[in-house]
């Protein structure tokens, strides 16, 4: 079994503040690339790449790539926060 490190109230508050900031940042980026980018896709559809409108590439394909990168980045950032406060999992 892993040892549990007891954090003081101040450390718990700092840990939650950092985790919460990361969570809201990830949520804002997800919203931007999930919804805001798609609003501008019709204006970009006049340009074609390999027979497909560039709005399609940005909205459909680009968003998926950003979501995968966002998942890995948020996981890595949370692991760094956990290591900083000594609450990592084995």
C-alpha atoms as a PDB file:
ATOM      1  CA  UNK A   1       0.000   0.000   0.000  1.00  0.00           C
ATOM      2  CA  UNK A   2       1.101   3.514  -0.710  1.00  0.00           C
ATOM      3  CA  UNK A   3       1.759   5.850   2.165  1.00  0.00           C
ATOM      4  CA  UNK A   4      -0.615   8.742   2.402  1.00  0.00           C
ATOM      5  CA  UNK A   5       0.933  12.117   3.036  1.00  0.00           C
ATOM      6  CA  UNK A   6      -1.163  14.347   5.213  1.00  0.00           C
ATOM      7  CA  UNK A   7      -1.363  17.897   3.901  1.00  0.00           C
ATOM      8  CA  UNK A   8      -2.019  20.907   6.083  1.00  0.00           C
ATOM      9  CA  UNK A   9      -5.108  23.021   5.429  1.00  0.00           C
ATOM     10  CA  UNK A  10      -2.947  25.638   3.654  1.00  0.00           C
ATOM     11  CA  UNK A  11      -1.354  22.980   1.460  1.00  0.00           C
ATOM     12  CA  UNK A  12      -4.748  21.478   0.672  1.00  0.00           C
ATOM     13  CA  UNK A  13      -6.054  24.912  -0.319  1.00  0.00           C
ATOM     14  CA  UNK A  14      -2.987  25.562  -2.516  1.00  0.00           C
ATOM     15  CA  UNK A  15      -3.287  22.102  -4.102  1.00  0.00           C
ATOM     16  CA  UNK A  16      -6.969  22.637  -4.891  1.00  0.00           C
ATOM     17  CA  UNK A  17      -6.276  26.149  -6.232  1.00  0.00           C
ATOM     18  CA  UNK A  18      -3.657  24.786  -8.663  1.00  0.00           C
ATOM     19  CA  UNK A  19      -5.844  21.828  -9.658  1.00  0.00           C
ATOM     20  CA  UNK A  20      -8.880  24.055 -10.101  1.00  0.00           C
ATOM     21  CA  UNK A  21      -6.922  26.519 -12.241  1.00  0.00           C
ATOM     22  CA  UNK A  22      -5.758  23.668 -14.465  1.00  0.00           C
ATOM     23  CA  UNK A  23      -9.300  22.318 -14.719  1.00  0.00           C
ATOM     24  CA  UNK A  24     -10.780  25.686 -15.758  1.00  0.00           C
ATOM     25  CA  UNK A  25      -7.959  26.260 -18.255  1.00  0.00           C
ATOM     26  CA  UNK A  26      -8.571  22.872 -19.873  1.00  0.00           C
ATOM     27  CA  UNK A  27     -12.321  23.516 -19.919  1.00  0.00           C
ATOM     28  CA  UNK A  28     -11.843  26.929 -21.566  1.00  0.00           C
ATOM     29  CA  UNK A  29      -9.541  25.461 -24.235  1.00  0.00           C
ATOM     30  CA  UNK A  30     -11.962  22.605 -24.838  1.00  0.00           C
ATOM     31  CA  UNK A  31     -14.846  25.062 -25.254  1.00  0.00           C
ATOM     32  CA  UNK A  32     -12.827  27.263 -27.621  1.00  0.00           C
ATOM     33  CA  UNK A  33     -11.715  24.424 -29.880  1.00  0.00           C
ATOM     34  CA  UNK A  34     -15.013  22.552 -29.562  1.00  0.00           C
ATOM     35  CA  UNK A  35     -17.423  25.405 -30.251  1.00  0.00           C
ATOM     36  CA  UNK A  36     -15.842  28.761 -31.085  1.00  0.00           C
ATOM     37  CA  UNK A  37     -13.663  27.479 -33.939  1.00  0.00           C
ATOM     38  CA  UNK A  38     -16.701  25.837 -35.544  1.00  0.00           C
ATOM     39  CA  UNK A  39     -18.509  29.166 -35.735  1.00  0.00           C
ATOM     40  CA  UNK A  40     -15.919  30.414 -38.238  1.00  0.00           C
ATOM     41  CA  UNK A  41     -15.811  27.244 -40.362  1.00  0.00           C
ATOM     42  CA  UNK A  42     -18.363  28.440 -42.985  1.00  0.00           C
ATOM     43  CA  UNK A  43     -16.263  31.532 -43.788  1.00  0.00           C
ATOM     44  CA  UNK A  44     -13.249  29.307 -44.439  1.00  0.00           C
ATOM     45  CA  UNK A  45     -15.086  26.902 -46.732  1.00  0.00           C
ATOM     46  CA  UNK A  46     -14.195  28.946 -49.833  1.00  0.00           C
ATOM     47  CA  UNK A  47     -10.636  27.568 -49.650  1.00  0.00           C
ATOM     48  CA  UNK A  48     -10.176  23.902 -50.625  1.00  0.00           C
ATOM     49  CA  UNK A  49      -7.413  21.470 -49.677  1.00  0.00           C
ATOM     50  CA  UNK A  50      -7.416  18.127 -51.496  1.00  0.00           C
ATOM     51  CA  UNK A  51     -11.012  18.741 -52.515  1.00  0.00           C
ATOM     52  CA  UNK A  52     -12.257  19.428 -49.003  1.00  0.00           C
ATOM     53  CA  UNK A  53     -13.081  22.868 -47.618  1.00  0.00           C
ATOM     54  CA  UNK A  54     -10.493  24.188 -45.169  1.00  0.00           C
ATOM     55  CA  UNK A  55     -13.299  24.860 -42.657  1.00  0.00           C
ATOM     56  CA  UNK A  56     -13.879  21.107 -42.577  1.00  0.00           C
ATOM     57  CA  UNK A  57     -10.219  20.460 -41.797  1.00  0.00           C
ATOM     58  CA  UNK A  58     -10.048  23.075 -39.055  1.00  0.00           C
ATOM     59  CA  UNK A  59     -13.357  22.200 -37.446  1.00  0.00           C
ATOM     60  CA  UNK A  60     -13.437  18.422 -37.785  1.00  0.00           C
ATOM     61  CA  UNK A  61      -9.857  17.244 -37.981  1.00  0.00           C
ATOM     62  CA  UNK A  62      -8.076  20.052 -36.164  1.00  0.00           C
ATOM     63  CA  UNK A  63     -10.363  19.914 -33.151  1.00  0.00           C
ATOM     64  CA  UNK A  64      -9.753  16.193 -32.701  1.00  0.00           C
ATOM     65  CA  UNK A  65      -5.998  16.672 -32.759  1.00  0.00           C
ATOM     66  CA  UNK A  66      -6.273  19.498 -30.223  1.00  0.00           C
ATOM     67  CA  UNK A  67      -8.470  17.356 -27.943  1.00  0.00           C
ATOM     68  CA  UNK A  68      -5.924  14.508 -27.911  1.00  0.00           C
ATOM     69  CA  UNK A  69      -3.052  16.930 -27.214  1.00  0.00           C
ATOM     70  CA  UNK A  70      -5.165  18.598 -24.512  1.00  0.00           C
ATOM     71  CA  UNK A  71      -5.746  15.246 -22.785  1.00  0.00           C
ATOM     72  CA  UNK A  72      -2.042  14.425 -22.660  1.00  0.00           C
ATOM     73  CA  UNK A  73      -1.064  17.961 -21.604  1.00  0.00           C
ATOM     74  CA  UNK A  74      -3.625  18.119 -18.779  1.00  0.00           C
ATOM     75  CA  UNK A  75      -2.581  14.689 -17.511  1.00  0.00           C
ATOM     76  CA  UNK A  76       1.062  15.720 -17.497  1.00  0.00           C
ATOM     77  CA  UNK A  77       0.308  19.044 -15.795  1.00  0.00           C
ATOM     78  CA  UNK A  78      -1.783  17.328 -13.092  1.00  0.00           C
ATOM     79  CA  UNK A  79       1.009  14.824 -12.465  1.00  0.00           C
ATOM     80  CA  UNK A  80       3.433  17.725 -11.939  1.00  0.00           C
ATOM     81  CA  UNK A  81       1.031  19.339  -9.468  1.00  0.00           C
ATOM     82  CA  UNK A  82       0.658  16.014  -7.634  1.00  0.00           C
ATOM     83  CA  UNK A  83       4.448  15.576  -7.456  1.00  0.00           C
ATOM     84  CA  UNK A  84       4.889  19.118  -6.162  1.00  0.00           C
ATOM     85  CA  UNK A  85       2.517  18.447  -3.265  1.00  0.00           C
ATOM     86  CA  UNK A  86       3.699  14.871  -2.692  1.00  0.00           C
ATOM     87  CA  UNK A  87       0.396  13.160  -3.451  1.00  0.00           C
ATOM     88  CA  UNK A  88       1.520  11.066  -6.430  1.00  0.00           C
ATOM     89  CA  UNK A  89       0.273   7.558  -7.027  1.00  0.00           C
ATOM     90  CA  UNK A  90       2.705   4.677  -7.274  1.00  0.00           C
END
